[in-house]
Amino acid sequence: MTVKSTIKVGRRKTAVARAYLSEGTGKVTINGKNGEDYVKSPSLFQSVLQPFKVTNTLGTLDVKINVAGGGFTGQIGAIKLGIARALVERNEEFKSVLRQNGFMTRDPRMVERKKYGRPKARKRFQFSKR
């Protein structure tokens, strides 16, 4: 018996998450740790589970996530997008529900690069008239 595992990538800022979805009991593993241990804030962990709640698949699928890069919030956003894409790969009917709740949209905002002759991307040195 082969277990069909769905693999999808989610990105947010500079964070990249690979979500491996398989049949199971709702276990969430992030970077080898239990999901609740990796995500310290309970509210952020609940937001990781949102795609499952919206599609009514909360206790039926296991997800193993490898996430790297970025900060904490960026990683959470990447994880949500990866889970949502994997759910759509499994069942195409979930796509409209996930899109309505905003889980299928890749947030394109990135950090603007620093320009030469300036201290930051847009900040300027103090102007002196004399």
N, C-alpha and C. Protein backbone atom coordinates (compact mmCIF):
# COMPACT_ATOMS: atom_id res chain seq x y z
N MET A 1 0.85 -1.18 0.00
CA MET A 1 0.00 0.00 0.00
C MET A 1 0.89 1.24 0.00
N THR A 2 0.71 2.09 -0.97
CA THR A 2 1.48 3.33 -1.03
C THR A 2 0.61 4.48 -0.58
N VAL A 3 1.17 5.30 0.28
CA VAL A 3 0.46 6.47 0.78
C VAL A 3 0.77 7.63 -0.14
N LYS A 4 -0.29 8.22 -0.71
CA LYS A 4 -0.09 9.34 -1.62
C LYS A 4 0.23 10.58 -0.80
N SER A 5 1.41 11.12 -1.04
CA SER A 5 1.84 12.33 -0.35
C SER A 5 1.89 13.48 -1.34
N THR A 6 1.31 14.59 -0.98
CA THR A 6 1.29 15.76 -1.84
C THR A 6 2.31 16.76 -1.33
N ILE A 7 3.17 17.25 -2.22
CA ILE A 7 4.22 18.19 -1.85
C ILE A 7 3.98 19.51 -2.58
N LYS A 8 3.92 20.61 -1.83
CA LYS A 8 3.74 21.93 -2.43
C LYS A 8 4.61 22.94 -1.69
N VAL A 9 4.96 24.02 -2.40
CA VAL A 9 5.83 25.06 -1.85
C VAL A 9 5.01 26.32 -1.61
N GLY A 10 5.26 26.96 -0.47
CA GLY A 10 4.67 28.26 -0.15
C GLY A 10 5.77 29.25 0.15
N ARG A 11 5.58 30.50 -0.28
CA ARG A 11 6.60 31.52 -0.02
C ARG A 11 5.94 32.78 0.54
N ARG A 12 6.70 33.50 1.38
CA ARG A 12 6.26 34.79 1.91
C ARG A 12 7.52 35.54 2.30
N LYS A 13 7.70 36.75 1.78
CA LYS A 13 8.93 37.52 1.95
C LYS A 13 10.11 36.65 1.53
N THR A 14 11.04 36.33 2.42
CA THR A 14 12.16 35.48 2.03
C THR A 14 12.05 34.08 2.62
N ALA A 15 10.91 33.74 3.20
CA ALA A 15 10.70 32.41 3.78
C ALA A 15 10.15 31.46 2.72
N VAL A 16 10.64 30.23 2.75
CA VAL A 16 10.18 29.19 1.83
C VAL A 16 9.78 27.98 2.66
N ALA A 17 8.55 27.49 2.43
CA ALA A 17 8.05 26.33 3.17
C ALA A 17 7.63 25.24 2.19
N ARG A 18 8.08 24.01 2.46
CA ARG A 18 7.64 22.85 1.70
C ARG A 18 6.68 22.06 2.57
N ALA A 19 5.46 21.85 2.08
CA ALA A 19 4.43 21.15 2.84
C ALA A 19 4.20 19.76 2.22
N TYR A 20 4.35 18.73 3.05
CA TYR A 20 4.11 17.35 2.64
C TYR A 20 2.81 16.90 3.30
N LEU A 21 1.78 16.70 2.51
CA LEU A 21 0.45 16.35 3.02
C LEU A 21 0.20 14.87 2.79
N SER A 22 -0.26 14.16 3.82
CA SER A 22 -0.57 12.74 3.68
C SER A 22 -1.74 12.39 4.58
N GLU A 23 -2.35 11.23 4.31
CA GLU A 23 -3.46 10.76 5.14
C GLU A 23 -2.97 10.52 6.56
N GLY A 24 -3.81 10.85 7.53
CA GLY A 24 -3.39 10.64 8.92
C GLY A 24 -4.43 11.11 9.90
N THR A 25 -3.93 11.63 11.04
CA THR A 25 -4.82 11.99 12.14
C THR A 25 -4.77 13.48 12.48
N GLY A 26 -4.18 14.30 11.63
CA GLY A 26 -4.12 15.73 11.89
C GLY A 26 -2.86 16.18 12.57
N LYS A 27 -1.79 15.40 12.50
CA LYS A 27 -0.52 15.75 13.14
C LYS A 27 0.21 16.78 12.30
N VAL A 28 0.71 17.83 12.96
CA VAL A 28 1.46 18.90 12.28
C VAL A 28 2.90 18.86 12.79
N THR A 29 3.85 18.67 11.86
CA THR A 29 5.28 18.64 12.20
C THR A 29 5.98 19.73 11.40
N ILE A 30 6.68 20.63 12.10
CA ILE A 30 7.40 21.72 11.44
C ILE A 30 8.88 21.59 11.80
N ASN A 31 9.73 21.42 10.79
CA ASN A 31 11.18 21.27 10.96
C ASN A 31 11.53 20.20 12.00
N GLY A 32 10.82 19.08 11.96
CA GLY A 32 11.10 17.98 12.86
C GLY A 32 10.52 18.12 14.25
N LYS A 33 9.90 19.23 14.56
CA LYS A 33 9.29 19.44 15.88
C LYS A 33 7.77 19.39 15.76
N ASN A 34 7.12 19.17 16.88
CA ASN A 34 5.66 19.27 16.93
C ASN A 34 5.27 20.71 16.59
N GLY A 35 4.19 20.88 15.85
CA GLY A 35 3.78 22.21 15.39
C GLY A 35 3.58 23.20 16.52
N GLU A 36 2.98 22.75 17.62
CA GLU A 36 2.73 23.64 18.75
C GLU A 36 4.02 24.05 19.44
N ASP A 37 5.04 23.19 19.39
CA ASP A 37 6.33 23.53 19.99
C ASP A 37 7.11 24.51 19.12
N TYR A 38 7.00 24.36 17.80
CA TYR A 38 7.73 25.25 16.89
C TYR A 38 7.11 26.64 16.90
N VAL A 39 5.78 26.70 16.82
CA VAL A 39 5.06 27.99 16.82
C VAL A 39 4.69 28.27 18.26
N LYS A 40 5.39 29.20 18.89
CA LYS A 40 5.20 29.45 20.32
C LYS A 40 3.83 30.05 20.63
N SER A 41 3.33 30.92 19.77
CA SER A 41 2.06 31.60 20.02
C SER A 41 0.88 30.71 19.61
N PRO A 42 -0.07 30.47 20.52
CA PRO A 42 -1.22 29.64 20.15
C PRO A 42 -2.07 30.25 19.03
N SER A 43 -2.16 31.58 19.00
CA SER A 43 -2.96 32.21 17.95
C SER A 43 -2.32 32.03 16.58
N LEU A 44 -0.98 32.09 16.51
CA LEU A 44 -0.30 31.86 15.24
C LEU A 44 -0.43 30.40 14.81
N PHE A 45 -0.42 29.48 15.76
CA PHE A 45 -0.60 28.07 15.40
C PHE A 45 -2.00 27.83 14.87
N GLN A 46 -2.99 28.52 15.44
CA GLN A 46 -4.35 28.41 14.93
C GLN A 46 -4.45 28.94 13.50
N SER A 47 -3.67 29.99 13.19
CA SER A 47 -3.70 30.52 11.82
C SER A 47 -3.04 29.54 10.85
N VAL A 48 -2.08 28.72 11.33
CA VAL A 48 -1.50 27.67 10.48
C VAL A 48 -2.56 26.63 10.14
N LEU A 49 -3.46 26.36 11.08
CA LEU A 49 -4.50 25.35 10.88
C LEU A 49 -5.72 25.86 10.10
N GLN A 50 -5.79 27.17 9.84
CA GLN A 50 -6.95 27.75 9.17
C GLN A 50 -7.30 27.08 7.84
N PRO A 51 -6.34 26.78 6.94
CA PRO A 51 -6.74 26.13 5.68
C PRO A 51 -7.45 24.79 5.90
N PHE A 52 -7.06 24.05 6.95
CA PHE A 52 -7.74 22.79 7.25
C PHE A 52 -9.15 23.03 7.77
N LYS A 53 -9.30 24.07 8.62
CA LYS A 53 -10.62 24.37 9.19
C LYS A 53 -11.59 24.80 8.11
N VAL A 54 -11.14 25.62 7.19
CA VAL A 54 -12.01 26.14 6.13
C VAL A 54 -12.49 25.01 5.23
N THR A 55 -11.63 24.01 4.99
CA THR A 55 -11.99 22.91 4.09
C THR A 55 -12.54 21.68 4.82
N ASN A 56 -12.73 21.78 6.14
CA ASN A 56 -13.25 20.68 6.97
C ASN A 56 -12.39 19.41 6.86
N THR A 57 -11.07 19.56 6.85
CA THR A 57 -10.16 18.42 6.79
C THR A 57 -9.22 18.42 7.99
N LEU A 58 -9.64 19.00 9.10
CA LEU A 58 -8.73 19.25 10.23
C LEU A 58 -8.15 17.97 10.83
N GLY A 59 -8.91 16.95 11.10
CA GLY A 59 -8.37 15.76 11.75
C GLY A 59 -8.05 14.62 10.81
N THR A 60 -8.10 14.85 9.50
CA THR A 60 -7.97 13.75 8.55
C THR A 60 -6.62 13.69 7.84
N LEU A 61 -5.83 14.76 7.88
CA LEU A 61 -4.57 14.80 7.14
C LEU A 61 -3.40 15.17 8.04
N ASP A 62 -2.27 14.51 7.83
CA ASP A 62 -1.03 14.87 8.51
C ASP A 62 -0.25 15.80 7.59
N VAL A 63 0.47 16.74 8.18
CA VAL A 63 1.30 17.63 7.37
C VAL A 63 2.68 17.73 8.00
N LYS A 64 3.70 17.56 7.15
CA LYS A 64 5.09 17.70 7.57
C LYS A 64 5.64 18.89 6.79
N ILE A 65 6.21 19.85 7.51
CA ILE A 65 6.63 21.09 6.88
C ILE A 65 8.11 21.32 7.14
N ASN A 66 8.85 21.66 6.07
CA ASN A 66 10.22 22.14 6.18
C ASN A 66 10.19 23.60 5.79
N VAL A 67 10.60 24.47 6.70
CA VAL A 67 10.56 25.91 6.42
C VAL A 67 11.94 26.49 6.73
N ALA A 68 12.36 27.43 5.85
CA ALA A 68 13.67 28.05 6.02
C ALA A 68 13.60 29.50 5.55
N GLY A 69 14.47 30.32 6.12
CA GLY A 69 14.57 31.71 5.69
C GLY A 69 13.52 32.59 6.31
N GLY A 70 13.75 33.90 6.21
CA GLY A 70 12.77 34.86 6.67
C GLY A 70 12.64 34.92 8.18
N GLY A 71 11.65 35.66 8.62
CA GLY A 71 11.36 35.78 10.04
C GLY A 71 10.19 34.90 10.41
N PHE A 72 9.72 35.08 11.62
CA PHE A 72 8.69 34.19 12.13
C PHE A 72 7.36 34.34 11.40
N THR A 73 6.91 35.57 11.24
CA THR A 73 5.62 35.80 10.58
C THR A 73 5.68 35.41 9.11
N GLY A 74 6.80 35.67 8.46
CA GLY A 74 6.97 35.26 7.07
C GLY A 74 6.90 33.76 6.92
N GLN A 75 7.49 33.04 7.88
CA GLN A 75 7.44 31.59 7.83
C GLN A 75 6.02 31.07 8.00
N ILE A 76 5.25 31.71 8.90
CA ILE A 76 3.86 31.29 9.10
C ILE A 76 3.06 31.50 7.82
N GLY A 77 3.25 32.63 7.16
CA GLY A 77 2.56 32.90 5.89
C GLY A 77 2.94 31.90 4.81
N ALA A 78 4.22 31.54 4.74
CA ALA A 78 4.68 30.56 3.76
C ALA A 78 4.07 29.19 4.04
N ILE A 79 3.97 28.83 5.31
CA ILE A 79 3.38 27.54 5.69
C ILE A 79 1.92 27.49 5.28
N LYS A 80 1.17 28.56 5.55
CA LYS A 80 -0.26 28.59 5.19
C LYS A 80 -0.45 28.43 3.68
N LEU A 81 0.37 29.13 2.89
CA LEU A 81 0.25 29.03 1.44
C LEU A 81 0.61 27.63 0.95
N GLY A 82 1.65 27.03 1.51
CA GLY A 82 2.02 25.67 1.13
C GLY A 82 0.94 24.66 1.44
N ILE A 83 0.32 24.78 2.61
CA ILE A 83 -0.76 23.87 3.00
C ILE A 83 -1.95 24.05 2.07
N ALA A 84 -2.30 25.30 1.78
CA ALA A 84 -3.45 25.57 0.91
C ALA A 84 -3.21 25.00 -0.49
N ARG A 85 -2.02 25.18 -1.03
CA ARG A 85 -1.71 24.64 -2.37
C ARG A 85 -1.76 23.12 -2.37
N ALA A 86 -1.29 22.49 -1.29
CA ALA A 86 -1.32 21.03 -1.21
C ALA A 86 -2.75 20.52 -1.11
N LEU A 87 -3.61 21.23 -0.39
CA LEU A 87 -5.01 20.84 -0.29
C LEU A 87 -5.70 20.91 -1.66
N VAL A 88 -5.38 21.95 -2.43
CA VAL A 88 -5.97 22.09 -3.77
C VAL A 88 -5.47 20.98 -4.68
N GLU A 89 -4.20 20.59 -4.54
CA GLU A 89 -3.65 19.47 -5.32
C GLU A 89 -4.40 18.18 -5.03
N ARG A 90 -4.79 18.00 -3.77
CA ARG A 90 -5.54 16.80 -3.38
C ARG A 90 -6.98 16.84 -3.87
N ASN A 91 -7.63 18.01 -3.73
CA ASN A 91 -9.04 18.13 -4.10
C ASN A 91 -9.26 19.50 -4.73
N GLU A 92 -9.56 19.53 -6.00
CA GLU A 92 -9.72 20.78 -6.76
C GLU A 92 -10.91 21.61 -6.26
N GLU A 93 -11.88 20.98 -5.59
CA GLU A 93 -13.07 21.70 -5.11
C GLU A 93 -12.74 22.67 -3.98
N PHE A 94 -11.61 22.47 -3.30
CA PHE A 94 -11.22 23.36 -2.20
C PHE A 94 -10.75 24.72 -2.69
N LYS A 95 -10.41 24.84 -3.98
CA LYS A 95 -9.76 26.04 -4.48
C LYS A 95 -10.61 27.29 -4.28
N SER A 96 -11.91 27.22 -4.59
CA SER A 96 -12.77 28.40 -4.47
C SER A 96 -12.93 28.83 -3.01
N VAL A 97 -13.06 27.86 -2.10
CA VAL A 97 -13.22 28.17 -0.68
C VAL A 97 -11.94 28.81 -0.13
N LEU A 98 -10.80 28.24 -0.49
CA LEU A 98 -9.52 28.77 -0.01
C LEU A 98 -9.24 30.15 -0.60
N ARG A 99 -9.61 30.36 -1.86
CA ARG A 99 -9.40 31.67 -2.48
C ARG A 99 -10.28 32.74 -1.83
N GLN A 100 -11.51 32.38 -1.51
CA GLN A 100 -12.42 33.33 -0.85
C GLN A 100 -11.88 33.77 0.50
N ASN A 101 -11.18 32.88 1.19
CA ASN A 101 -10.63 33.20 2.50
C ASN A 101 -9.21 33.77 2.42
N GLY A 102 -8.68 33.92 1.21
CA GLY A 102 -7.39 34.58 1.02
C GLY A 102 -6.18 33.71 1.24
N PHE A 103 -6.31 32.38 1.15
CA PHE A 103 -5.18 31.48 1.40
C PHE A 103 -4.42 31.13 0.14
N MET A 104 -4.97 31.41 -1.03
CA MET A 104 -4.33 31.03 -2.28
C MET A 104 -3.49 32.15 -2.89
N THR A 105 -3.49 33.32 -2.28
CA THR A 105 -2.78 34.46 -2.84
C THR A 105 -1.36 34.53 -2.28
N ARG A 106 -0.39 34.59 -3.17
CA ARG A 106 1.02 34.76 -2.77
C ARG A 106 1.23 36.24 -2.51
N ASP A 107 1.63 36.59 -1.29
CA ASP A 107 1.88 37.98 -0.93
C ASP A 107 3.19 38.42 -1.58
N PRO A 108 3.15 39.34 -2.56
CA PRO A 108 4.36 39.66 -3.32
C PRO A 108 5.29 40.67 -2.65
N ARG A 109 4.88 41.20 -1.50
CA ARG A 109 5.69 42.27 -0.88
C ARG A 109 7.02 41.75 -0.38
N MET A 110 8.08 42.41 -0.80
CA MET A 110 9.43 42.04 -0.39
C MET A 110 10.11 43.29 0.15
N VAL A 111 11.23 43.10 0.83
CA VAL A 111 11.98 44.23 1.37
C VAL A 111 12.65 44.96 0.21
N GLU A 112 12.50 46.28 0.19
CA GLU A 112 13.11 47.07 -0.87
C GLU A 112 14.62 47.18 -0.62
N ARG A 113 15.38 47.13 -1.69
CA ARG A 113 16.82 47.13 -1.53
C ARG A 113 17.33 48.51 -1.15
N LYS A 114 18.49 48.53 -0.47
CA LYS A 114 19.13 49.78 -0.08
C LYS A 114 19.76 50.41 -1.31
N LYS A 115 19.58 51.74 -1.46
CA LYS A 115 20.17 52.46 -2.58
C LYS A 115 21.48 53.11 -2.14
N TYR A 116 22.37 53.30 -3.10
CA TYR A 116 23.66 53.94 -2.80
C TYR A 116 23.42 55.42 -2.52
N GLY A 117 24.26 55.99 -1.66
CA GLY A 117 24.13 57.40 -1.31
C GLY A 117 23.03 57.68 -0.31
N ARG A 118 22.43 56.63 0.26
CA ARG A 118 21.36 56.79 1.24
C ARG A 118 21.61 55.83 2.40
N PRO A 119 21.12 56.18 3.59
CA PRO A 119 21.34 55.27 4.72
C PRO A 119 20.46 54.01 4.67
N LYS A 120 19.25 54.12 4.05
CA LYS A 120 18.35 52.97 3.91
C LYS A 120 17.74 53.02 2.51
N ALA A 121 16.66 52.29 2.30
CA ALA A 121 16.08 52.22 0.96
C ALA A 121 15.55 53.58 0.49
N ARG A 122 14.83 54.27 1.37
CA ARG A 122 14.24 55.55 0.98
C ARG A 122 14.67 56.72 1.85
N LYS A 123 15.18 56.42 3.04
CA LYS A 123 15.60 57.46 3.97
C LYS A 123 16.77 58.24 3.38
N ARG A 124 16.78 59.55 3.64
CA ARG A 124 17.87 60.38 3.15
C ARG A 124 18.63 60.97 4.33
N PHE A 125 19.87 61.34 4.06
CA PHE A 125 20.63 62.05 5.09
C PHE A 125 20.03 63.43 5.28
N GLN A 126 20.25 64.04 6.47
CA GLN A 126 19.66 65.33 6.79
C GLN A 126 20.18 66.39 5.82
N PHE A 127 19.24 67.18 5.29
CA PHE A 127 19.60 68.24 4.35
C PHE A 127 20.09 69.46 5.13
N SER A 128 21.20 70.03 4.66
CA SER A 128 21.73 71.22 5.29
C SER A 128 21.81 72.32 4.24
N LYS A 129 21.08 73.41 4.51
CA LYS A 129 21.05 74.50 3.53
C LYS A 129 22.39 75.24 3.51
N ARG A 130 23.01 75.39 4.70
CA ARG A 130 24.31 76.07 4.73
C ARG A 130 25.37 75.20 5.34
